[in-house]
Protein backbone atom coordinates (compact mmCIF):
# COMPACT_ATOMS: atom_id res chain seq x y z
CA UNK A 1 51.20 -70.39 242.83
CA UNK A 2 51.63 -73.57 240.68
CA UNK A 3 49.85 -73.94 237.39
CA UNK A 4 48.42 -77.25 238.57
CA UNK A 5 47.22 -75.92 241.94
CA UNK A 6 43.52 -75.42 242.61
CA UNK A 7 44.24 -71.84 243.58
CA UNK A 8 45.52 -71.14 240.08
CA UNK A 9 42.99 -73.20 238.24
CA UNK A 10 39.89 -72.10 240.14
CA UNK A 11 40.98 -68.65 241.25
CA UNK A 12 43.83 -66.77 239.60
CA UNK A 13 43.57 -67.84 236.00
CA UNK A 14 39.80 -67.28 235.69
CA UNK A 15 40.32 -63.83 237.18
CA UNK A 16 43.01 -63.18 234.56
CA UNK A 17 40.68 -64.18 231.77
CA UNK A 18 37.88 -62.02 233.09
CA UNK A 19 40.17 -58.96 233.46
CA UNK A 20 41.99 -59.44 230.22
CA UNK A 21 38.92 -59.97 228.04
CA UNK A 22 36.79 -57.46 229.95
CA UNK A 23 39.46 -54.78 229.21
CA UNK A 24 39.74 -55.95 225.65
CA UNK A 25 36.02 -55.13 225.15
CA UNK A 26 36.83 -51.54 226.27
CA UNK A 27 39.34 -51.38 223.36
CA UNK A 28 41.89 -49.39 225.42
CA UNK A 29 45.15 -51.32 224.90
CA UNK A 30 46.98 -49.20 227.57
CA UNK A 31 44.56 -50.32 230.31
CA UNK A 32 44.65 -53.91 229.12
CA UNK A 33 48.48 -54.02 229.19
CA UNK A 34 48.73 -52.36 232.64
CA UNK A 35 46.13 -54.77 233.92
CA UNK A 36 48.11 -57.75 232.79
CA UNK A 37 51.29 -56.23 234.22
CA UNK A 38 49.52 -55.89 237.62
CA UNK A 39 48.24 -59.49 237.47
CA UNK A 40 51.67 -60.78 236.52
CA UNK A 41 53.30 -59.02 239.35
CA UNK A 42 50.67 -60.36 241.64
CA UNK A 43 51.38 -63.83 240.37
CA UNK A 44 55.15 -63.30 241.10
CA UNK A 45 54.51 -61.83 244.47
CA UNK A 46 52.50 -64.93 245.45
CA UNK A 47 55.79 -66.88 245.65
CA UNK A 48 57.68 -64.38 247.77
CA UNK A 49 56.48 -60.74 247.94
CA UNK A 50 59.96 -59.65 249.10
CA UNK A 51 61.34 -60.08 245.58
CA UNK A 52 58.68 -58.04 243.71
CA UNK A 53 60.78 -54.87 244.21
CA UNK A 54 63.78 -56.65 242.75
CA UNK A 55 61.82 -57.71 239.57
CA UNK A 56 60.30 -54.25 239.08
CA UNK A 57 63.49 -52.27 239.84
CA UNK A 58 65.66 -54.54 237.65
CA UNK A 59 63.28 -54.04 234.84
CA UNK A 60 62.73 -50.33 235.23
CA UNK A 61 66.47 -49.57 235.67
CA UNK A 62 67.25 -51.55 232.56
CA UNK A 63 64.55 -49.72 230.60
CA UNK A 64 65.96 -46.34 231.81
CA UNK A 65 69.42 -47.41 230.63
CA UNK A 66 67.88 -48.38 227.21
CA UNK A 67 66.18 -44.95 227.03
CA UNK A 68 69.37 -43.16 227.84
CA UNK A 69 71.16 -45.12 225.12
CA UNK A 70 68.49 -44.35 222.51
CA UNK A 71 68.46 -40.61 223.44
CA UNK A 72 72.24 -40.50 222.95
CA UNK A 73 71.51 -41.27 219.32
CA UNK A 74 72.62 -44.91 219.99
CA UNK A 75 76.27 -43.79 220.36
CA UNK A 76 76.82 -44.31 224.15
CA UNK A 77 77.67 -48.02 223.87
CA UNK A 78 79.10 -47.99 227.36
CA UNK A 79 75.47 -47.64 228.71
CA UNK A 80 74.58 -51.01 227.19
CA UNK A 81 77.72 -52.65 228.64
CA UNK A 82 76.78 -51.08 232.00
CA UNK A 83 73.27 -52.41 231.80
CA UNK A 84 74.31 -55.95 230.86
CA UNK A 85 76.96 -55.89 233.62
CA UNK A 86 74.46 -54.73 236.19
CA UNK A 87 71.96 -57.51 235.26
CA UNK A 88 74.82 -60.09 235.44
CA UNK A 89 75.96 -58.78 238.85
CA UNK A 90 72.40 -59.08 240.24
CA UNK A 91 72.13 -62.71 238.93
CA UNK A 92 75.65 -63.47 240.16
CA UNK A 93 74.93 -62.11 243.66
CA UNK A 94 71.80 -64.08 244.25
CA UNK A 95 72.73 -67.26 242.51
CA UNK A 96 76.53 -67.56 242.87
CA UNK A 97 77.78 -65.51 245.78
CA UNK A 98 77.57 -68.36 248.24
CA UNK A 99 79.20 -70.75 245.71
CA UNK A 100 82.01 -68.26 245.05
CA UNK A 101 82.62 -67.56 248.70
CA UNK A 102 82.74 -71.23 249.59
CA UNK A 103 85.28 -71.93 246.90
CA UNK A 104 87.47 -68.98 247.74
CA UNK A 105 87.43 -70.04 251.40
CA UNK A 106 88.33 -73.60 250.46
CA UNK A 107 91.23 -72.46 248.33
CA UNK A 108 92.50 -70.13 251.10
CA UNK A 109 92.04 -72.74 253.79
CA UNK A 110 89.69 -70.38 255.70
CA UNK A 111 86.80 -71.32 257.84
CA UNK A 112 83.54 -69.95 256.42
CA UNK A 113 80.59 -69.72 258.71
CA UNK A 114 77.25 -70.96 257.32
CA UNK A 115 75.23 -68.45 255.40
CA UNK A 116 72.77 -68.55 252.48
CA UNK A 117 71.05 -66.16 250.08
CA UNK A 118 67.49 -66.89 249.01
CA UNK A 119 67.36 -67.25 245.22
CA UNK A 120 64.51 -65.19 243.64
CA UNK A 121 62.46 -67.54 241.64
CA UNK A 122 62.79 -67.15 237.89
CA UNK A 123 65.67 -64.70 238.08
CA UNK A 124 67.84 -66.70 235.58
CA UNK A 125 65.06 -66.53 232.96
CA UNK A 126 63.99 -62.86 233.17
CA UNK A 127 67.63 -61.65 233.56
CA UNK A 128 68.50 -63.33 230.31
CA UNK A 129 65.45 -61.76 228.59
CA UNK A 130 66.51 -58.28 229.79
CA UNK A 131 70.09 -58.93 228.56
CA UNK A 132 68.89 -60.10 225.17
CA UNK A 133 66.97 -56.85 224.69
CA UNK A 134 69.85 -54.66 225.71
CA UNK A 135 72.18 -56.56 223.41
CA UNK A 136 69.74 -56.34 220.51
CA UNK A 137 69.41 -52.62 221.16
CA UNK A 138 73.16 -52.13 220.73
CA UNK A 139 74.03 -54.57 218.02
CA UNK A 140 70.81 -55.36 216.13
CA UNK A 141 68.98 -52.07 216.15
CA UNK A 142 66.07 -53.12 218.45
CA UNK A 143 63.25 -50.60 218.70
CA UNK A 144 62.36 -48.47 221.67
CA UNK A 145 59.37 -49.72 223.78
CA UNK A 146 57.27 -47.72 226.31
CA UNK A 147 57.77 -48.73 229.96
CA UNK A 148 54.51 -50.55 230.33
CA UNK A 149 55.30 -52.85 227.38
CA UNK A 150 58.80 -53.55 228.65
CA UNK A 151 57.45 -54.29 232.02
CA UNK A 152 54.89 -56.67 230.46
CA UNK A 153 57.61 -58.30 228.29
CA UNK A 154 59.68 -59.10 231.38
CA UNK A 155 56.92 -59.93 233.87
CA UNK A 156 54.37 -61.77 231.59
CA UNK A 157 53.36 -64.49 234.15
CA UNK A 158 52.94 -67.68 231.96
CA UNK A 159 56.71 -67.75 231.22
CA UNK A 160 58.00 -65.63 234.02
CA UNK A 161 59.12 -68.39 236.42
CA UNK A 162 60.66 -71.04 234.15
CA UNK A 163 60.47 -69.91 230.54
CA UNK A 164 60.48 -70.37 227.74
CA UNK A 165 63.03 -67.60 227.29
CA UNK A 166 61.22 -65.15 225.02
CA UNK A 167 62.85 -62.30 223.07
CA UNK A 168 61.28 -58.84 222.78
CA UNK A 169 60.48 -59.07 219.11
CA UNK A 170 58.70 -62.40 219.59
CA UNK A 171 56.11 -61.14 222.09
CA UNK A 172 55.94 -57.33 222.37
CA UNK A 173 54.40 -56.85 218.82
CA UNK A 174 51.65 -59.19 219.80
CA UNK A 175 50.49 -56.72 222.47
CA UNK A 176 48.98 -54.66 219.60
CA UNK A 177 46.73 -57.48 218.62
CA UNK A 178 43.16 -57.51 219.80
CA UNK A 179 42.48 -60.48 221.96
CA UNK A 180 39.00 -60.59 220.56
CA UNK A 181 40.14 -60.82 216.98
CA UNK A 182 39.06 -63.55 214.52
CA UNK A 183 40.10 -67.05 215.60
CA UNK A 184 39.42 -66.52 219.32
CA UNK A 185 37.62 -69.82 219.70
CA UNK A 186 40.33 -71.81 217.94
CA UNK A 187 43.08 -70.09 219.91
CA UNK A 188 41.38 -70.73 223.15
CA UNK A 189 40.50 -74.39 222.45
CA UNK A 190 44.12 -75.12 221.25
CA UNK A 191 45.52 -73.33 224.25
CA UNK A 192 43.22 -75.28 226.61
CA UNK A 193 44.28 -78.51 224.95
CA UNK A 194 47.96 -77.81 225.24
CA UNK A 195 47.57 -76.69 228.84
CA UNK A 196 45.64 -79.80 229.72
CA UNK A 197 48.26 -82.18 228.19
CA UNK A 198 50.88 -80.37 230.29
CA UNK A 199 48.77 -80.81 233.37
CA UNK A 200 48.35 -84.59 232.73
CA UNK A 201 52.13 -85.03 232.01
CA UNK A 202 53.06 -83.14 235.24
CA UNK A 203 50.65 -84.76 237.62
CA UNK A 204 50.36 -88.31 236.31
CA UNK A 205 53.87 -88.94 235.01
CA UNK A 206 56.50 -86.47 236.25
CA UNK A 207 55.27 -86.32 239.80
CA UNK A 208 55.00 -90.14 239.93
CA UNK A 209 58.59 -90.56 238.75
CA UNK A 210 59.98 -87.97 241.14
CA UNK A 211 59.96 -90.13 244.38
CA UNK A 212 61.54 -93.07 242.55
CA UNK A 213 64.50 -90.98 241.35
CA UNK A 214 64.73 -89.11 244.72
CA UNK A 215 64.84 -92.42 246.68
CA UNK A 216 67.53 -94.05 244.55
CA UNK A 217 69.76 -90.97 244.36
CA UNK A 218 69.39 -90.50 248.03
CA UNK A 219 70.35 -94.17 248.66
CA UNK A 220 73.38 -93.61 246.45
CA UNK A 221 74.69 -90.92 248.80
CA UNK A 222 74.78 -93.60 251.61
CA UNK A 223 75.59 -96.81 249.79
CA UNK A 224 75.96 -98.48 246.51
CA UNK A 225 72.86 -99.31 244.51
CA UNK A 226 72.80 -102.39 242.40
CA UNK A 227 72.68 -102.43 238.62
CA UNK A 228 68.85 -102.61 238.24
CA UNK A 229 68.33 -99.94 240.94
CA UNK A 230 70.78 -97.55 239.49
CA UNK A 231 69.26 -97.83 235.95
CA UNK A 232 65.79 -97.43 237.52
CA UNK A 233 66.85 -94.16 239.19
CA UNK A 234 68.68 -92.88 236.17
CA UNK A 235 65.80 -93.53 233.83
CA UNK A 236 63.21 -92.20 236.31
CA UNK A 237 65.10 -88.89 236.45
CA UNK A 238 65.80 -88.81 232.71
CA UNK A 239 62.05 -88.96 231.96
CA UNK A 240 60.90 -86.96 235.01
CA UNK A 241 63.12 -83.94 233.99
CA UNK A 242 61.79 -83.91 230.35
CA UNK A 243 58.12 -84.53 231.43
CA UNK A 244 58.22 -81.96 234.19
CA UNK A 245 59.94 -79.19 232.21
CA UNK A 246 58.13 -79.72 228.98
CA UNK A 247 54.85 -79.86 230.87
CA UNK A 248 55.58 -76.44 232.28
CA UNK A 249 56.49 -75.07 228.83
CA UNK A 250 53.32 -76.57 227.35
CA UNK A 251 51.17 -75.04 230.10
CA UNK A 252 52.85 -71.77 229.60
CA UNK A 253 52.23 -71.88 225.84
CA UNK A 254 48.67 -72.94 226.49
CA UNK A 255 48.02 -70.00 228.77
CA UNK A 256 49.55 -67.60 226.26
CA UNK A 257 47.28 -68.97 223.49
CA UNK A 258 44.23 -68.57 225.69
CA UNK A 259 45.19 -64.97 226.13
CA UNK A 260 45.78 -64.66 222.38
CA UNK A 261 49.61 -64.61 222.63
CA UNK A 262 51.84 -67.07 220.95
CA UNK A 263 55.05 -68.06 222.85
CA UNK A 264 57.88 -69.92 221.18
CA UNK A 265 58.08 -73.73 221.29
CA UNK A 266 60.60 -74.98 223.86
CA UNK A 267 60.91 -78.77 223.21
CA UNK A 268 60.77 -80.89 220.10
CA UNK A 269 61.14 -84.52 221.09
CA UNK A 270 64.76 -84.27 222.32
CA UNK A 271 64.99 -87.93 223.22
CA UNK A 272 64.45 -88.83 219.60
CA UNK A 273 67.68 -87.12 218.63
CA UNK A 274 70.14 -89.01 216.57
CA UNK A 275 73.24 -87.07 217.72
CA UNK A 276 74.20 -84.48 220.34
CA UNK A 277 73.83 -81.50 218.10
CA UNK A 278 70.37 -82.70 217.21
CA UNK A 279 69.61 -83.03 220.88
CA UNK A 280 70.51 -79.36 221.64
CA UNK A 281 68.38 -78.22 218.68
CA UNK A 282 65.44 -79.95 220.42
CA UNK A 283 66.05 -79.55 224.14
CA UNK A 284 65.23 -76.25 225.92
CA UNK A 285 65.34 -74.65 222.51
CA UNK A 286 65.02 -71.11 223.69
CA UNK A 287 68.03 -71.42 225.98
CA UNK A 288 70.04 -73.12 223.28
CA UNK A 289 69.14 -70.28 220.92
CA UNK A 290 70.11 -67.61 223.48
CA UNK A 291 73.47 -69.21 224.15
CA UNK A 292 74.18 -69.59 220.46
CA UNK A 293 73.28 -65.94 219.54
CA UNK A 294 74.60 -64.13 222.58
CA UNK A 295 77.60 -66.26 223.59
CA UNK A 296 78.71 -68.80 221.00
CA UNK A 297 78.53 -66.65 217.86
CA UNK A 298 80.09 -63.45 219.57
CA UNK A 299 82.94 -65.70 220.69
CA UNK A 300 83.69 -66.57 217.11
CA UNK A 301 81.52 -69.71 216.53
CA UNK A 302 82.55 -72.13 213.96
CA UNK A 303 83.73 -69.79 211.24
CA UNK A 304 87.01 -68.64 212.66
CA UNK A 305 89.18 -71.69 212.77
CA UNK A 306 89.26 -74.88 214.89
CA UNK A 307 90.81 -73.27 217.98
CA UNK A 308 88.15 -70.58 218.22
CA UNK A 309 85.44 -73.19 217.58
CA UNK A 310 86.77 -75.42 220.42
CA UNK A 311 87.07 -72.58 222.81
CA UNK A 312 83.58 -71.09 221.95
CA UNK A 313 81.96 -74.47 222.34
CA UNK A 314 83.58 -75.38 225.58
CA UNK A 315 82.99 -71.96 227.07
CA UNK A 316 79.33 -71.75 225.98
CA UNK A 317 78.50 -75.23 227.37
CA UNK A 318 80.39 -74.53 230.56
CA UNK A 319 78.30 -71.43 230.98
CA UNK A 320 75.16 -73.46 230.21
CA UNK A 321 76.08 -75.78 232.98
CA UNK A 322 76.73 -72.96 235.46
CA UNK A 323 73.43 -71.33 234.43
CA UNK A 324 71.61 -74.37 235.72
CA UNK A 325 73.12 -74.33 239.18
CA UNK A 326 75.86 -72.99 241.33
CA UNK A 327 77.81 -76.25 241.62
CA UNK A 328 80.69 -77.94 240.07
CA UNK A 329 78.63 -81.00 238.98
CA UNK A 330 76.61 -78.59 236.79
CA UNK A 331 79.79 -77.13 235.33
CA UNK A 332 81.09 -80.63 234.73
CA UNK A 333 77.75 -81.62 233.03
CA UNK A 334 78.02 -78.61 230.74
CA UNK A 335 81.65 -79.26 229.85
CA UNK A 336 80.81 -82.94 229.24
CA UNK A 337 78.23 -81.85 226.65
CA UNK A 338 80.74 -79.40 225.20
CA UNK A 339 83.26 -82.21 224.62
CA UNK A 340 80.51 -84.45 223.37
CA UNK A 341 79.51 -81.72 220.74
CA UNK A 342 83.17 -81.41 219.63
CA UNK A 343 83.42 -85.15 219.12
CA UNK A 344 80.07 -85.19 217.28
CA UNK A 345 81.32 -82.44 214.95
CA UNK A 346 84.57 -84.27 214.32
CA UNK A 347 82.87 -87.45 213.56
CA UNK A 348 80.45 -85.83 211.10
CA UNK A 349 83.34 -84.20 209.27
CA UNK A 350 84.73 -87.70 208.62
CA UNK A 351 81.64 -88.40 206.52
CA UNK A 352 81.03 -91.90 207.95
CA UNK A 353 77.32 -91.86 209.10
CA UNK A 354 76.27 -94.41 211.75
CA UNK A 355 73.12 -96.47 211.44
CA UNK A 356 70.13 -94.60 212.84
CA UNK A 357 69.55 -97.04 215.77
CA UNK A 358 73.21 -97.07 216.83
CA UNK A 359 73.49 -93.32 216.57
CA UNK A 360 70.28 -92.79 218.61
CA UNK A 361 71.37 -95.36 221.27
CA UNK A 362 74.85 -93.70 221.67
CA UNK A 363 73.22 -90.26 222.02
CA UNK A 364 70.65 -91.48 224.53
CA UNK A 365 73.22 -93.22 226.67
CA UNK A 366 75.39 -90.08 226.72
CA UNK A 367 72.35 -87.94 227.70
CA UNK A 368 71.32 -90.34 230.47
CA UNK A 369 74.91 -90.42 231.87
CA UNK A 370 74.91 -86.71 231.79
CA UNK A 371 71.64 -86.44 233.65
CA UNK A 372 73.04 -88.66 236.47
CA UNK A 373 75.80 -86.07 236.86
CA UNK A 374 73.26 -83.27 236.67
CA UNK A 375 71.04 -84.78 239.31
CA UNK A 376 73.70 -86.02 241.76
CA UNK A 377 74.47 -83.76 244.76
CA UNK A 378 78.18 -84.34 244.29
CA UNK A 379 80.77 -86.17 242.19
CA UNK A 380 80.91 -89.09 244.60
CA UNK A 381 77.25 -89.82 244.30
CA UNK A 382 77.42 -89.48 240.49
CA UNK A 383 80.38 -91.96 240.42
CA UNK A 384 78.52 -94.41 242.54
CA UNK A 385 75.51 -94.29 240.23
CA UNK A 386 77.48 -94.47 236.97
CA UNK A 387 79.66 -97.30 238.22
CA UNK A 388 76.66 -99.21 239.32
CA UNK A 389 75.04 -98.66 235.84
CA UNK A 390 78.01 -100.40 234.15
CA UNK A 391 77.93 -103.37 236.53
CA UNK A 392 80.66 -102.14 238.88
CA UNK A 393 78.65 -103.61 241.80
CA UNK A 394 77.41 -106.67 240.01
CA UNK A 395 74.34 -107.15 237.81
CA UNK A 396 71.72 -107.76 240.57
CA UNK A 397 68.82 -105.73 241.67
CA UNK A 398 65.88 -106.01 239.36
CA UNK A 399 64.39 -102.86 237.75
CA UNK A 400 61.18 -101.58 239.30
CA UNK A 401 58.17 -99.56 238.22
CA UNK A 402 58.60 -100.89 234.66
CA UNK A 403 55.05 -99.97 233.56
CA UNK A 404 55.57 -96.32 234.71
CA UNK A 405 58.97 -96.06 233.14
CA UNK A 406 57.58 -97.67 229.84
CA UNK A 407 54.74 -95.09 229.71
CA UNK A 408 57.14 -92.18 230.47
CA UNK A 409 59.51 -93.49 227.73
CA UNK A 410 56.79 -93.74 225.12
CA UNK A 411 55.46 -90.17 225.92
CA UNK A 412 59.03 -88.73 226.01
CA UNK A 413 60.49 -90.34 222.97
CA UNK A 414 57.86 -91.03 220.33
CA UNK A 415 55.89 -88.52 218.34
CA UNK A 416 54.00 -86.52 217.67
CA UNK A 417 55.01 -83.96 220.21
CA UNK A 418 52.29 -82.35 222.33
CA UNK A 419 52.77 -79.10 220.47
CA UNK A 420 52.57 -80.72 217.13
CA UNK A 421 49.62 -82.73 218.10
CA UNK A 422 47.45 -79.91 219.53
CA UNK A 423 48.59 -76.87 217.62
CA UNK A 424 49.10 -78.30 214.23
CA UNK A 425 46.95 -81.38 214.01
CA UNK A 426 44.03 -81.16 216.44
CA UNK A 427 40.78 -80.68 214.56
CA UNK A 428 37.91 -78.57 216.01
CA UNK A 429 35.64 -81.10 217.63
CA UNK A 430 33.09 -80.98 220.49
CA UNK A 431 34.18 -84.56 221.45
CA UNK A 432 37.79 -83.51 221.85
CA UNK A 433 36.62 -80.51 223.86
CA UNK A 434 34.69 -82.79 226.14
CA UNK A 435 37.69 -85.16 226.56
CA UNK A 436 39.91 -82.13 227.43
CA UNK A 437 37.39 -80.96 230.02
CA UNK A 438 37.18 -84.36 231.56
CA UNK A 439 41.00 -84.71 231.76
CA UNK A 440 41.22 -81.23 233.39
CA UNK A 441 38.56 -82.22 235.92
CA UNK A 442 40.40 -85.52 236.80
CA UNK A 443 43.69 -83.52 237.26
CA UNK A 444 41.87 -80.90 239.40
CA UNK A 445 40.53 -83.65 241.67
CA UNK A 446 43.92 -85.37 241.90
CA UNK A 447 45.78 -82.16 242.88
CA UNK A 448 43.14 -81.52 245.51
CA UNK A 449 44.35 -84.56 247.44
CA UNK A 450 47.43 -82.88 248.71
CA UNK A 451 50.18 -80.29 248.14
CA UNK A 452 51.07 -80.01 244.44
CA UNK A 453 54.73 -80.69 243.62
CA UNK A 454 56.84 -77.85 242.31
CA UNK A 455 58.55 -77.83 238.96
CA UNK A 456 62.25 -78.91 238.74
CA UNK A 457 63.36 -75.78 236.81
CA UNK A 458 62.04 -73.42 239.48
CA UNK A 459 65.39 -73.89 241.22
CA UNK A 460 67.24 -72.56 238.21
């Protein structure tokens, strides 16, 4: 069930609001929380009911392991390692088993018959959230939570499928808050505004860019695009990816606010970054934070000498690439960013700052080149696109869809961000409420014309 579908907008979400606030009036938090658990699992089962047992069992088993660890007096550290390993094995089986088998077969020169494993939607996100809690329980003294709250933490539907990646301490304490507390109207209006902006970005920008990028990258698998075509495809995907993913995050945050729950911001104008470190502080911020705290720092980070720093950076970014997809192009994309971060750090230590415009341009060109590798189905296609973008096939082929690309560039690059605009700056105004309602109605009519397009990050 997509956020921008009529089934969600006219059916599921109104039902959620009725149940959530209806139970809030009874002032029985246990019933309210179990009600949202049931609704969240229903939302997940809408995609593929076969994976509901996986979500529930993975969560319950992890909670049982946490309980056993706490009852041991927090001394049985092996239980935490077992829980983390179990979650990684589940993720590895569904996401990487085919990739691993194909590579082993290729190295051994064996013939491998065709087979596939269906990837449970959202498994990369909720697995990381479970792991973060288990790690915090062992190394940061995280508290014990009752089963219903842990289930709600993992299954909370606004961010279940594609994030943001939320940590236990950021959301579970909010379950104690009364949804009807003071500020309800403000929270709801801000949430509705943020949700509507996400809807507009998804339907009228990201979904319009998608066929342009798809067409050109598909053509690159069969031939060589010209300079203008290659740049059109690269820019279309660059802006599509940001607008699509940030739109999902904004809709998730908006739904959360309408329920009285604040989820963490996930994007902060990443295409305005002036260097690669700045980019990763702004792009998919909750994933960057997870990798920093649970991979990079435990590996030694930047405070244990240059060799440890280089290893930790390259390993973390390689893992970041692999998290995005079971393919060598994703790994190469992650390693590319790892090397870029090392170069960025080395340059900053020289103490020779670049002019703002030059620094931004270099960063943006690097990011765009990386997105070509990220989007391409194989290295050959990526090479064809990148070589065309530097004039390897001449400088013909005029750019197309310039107005759409210009609009996408403006929304993607210049501030204020949607979050800053709506959450921090939007005044209470009946006129703004009317505009928001009108935009939502326009989107509702638009998505009613055909099958809504899925979000890019659903595949991760």
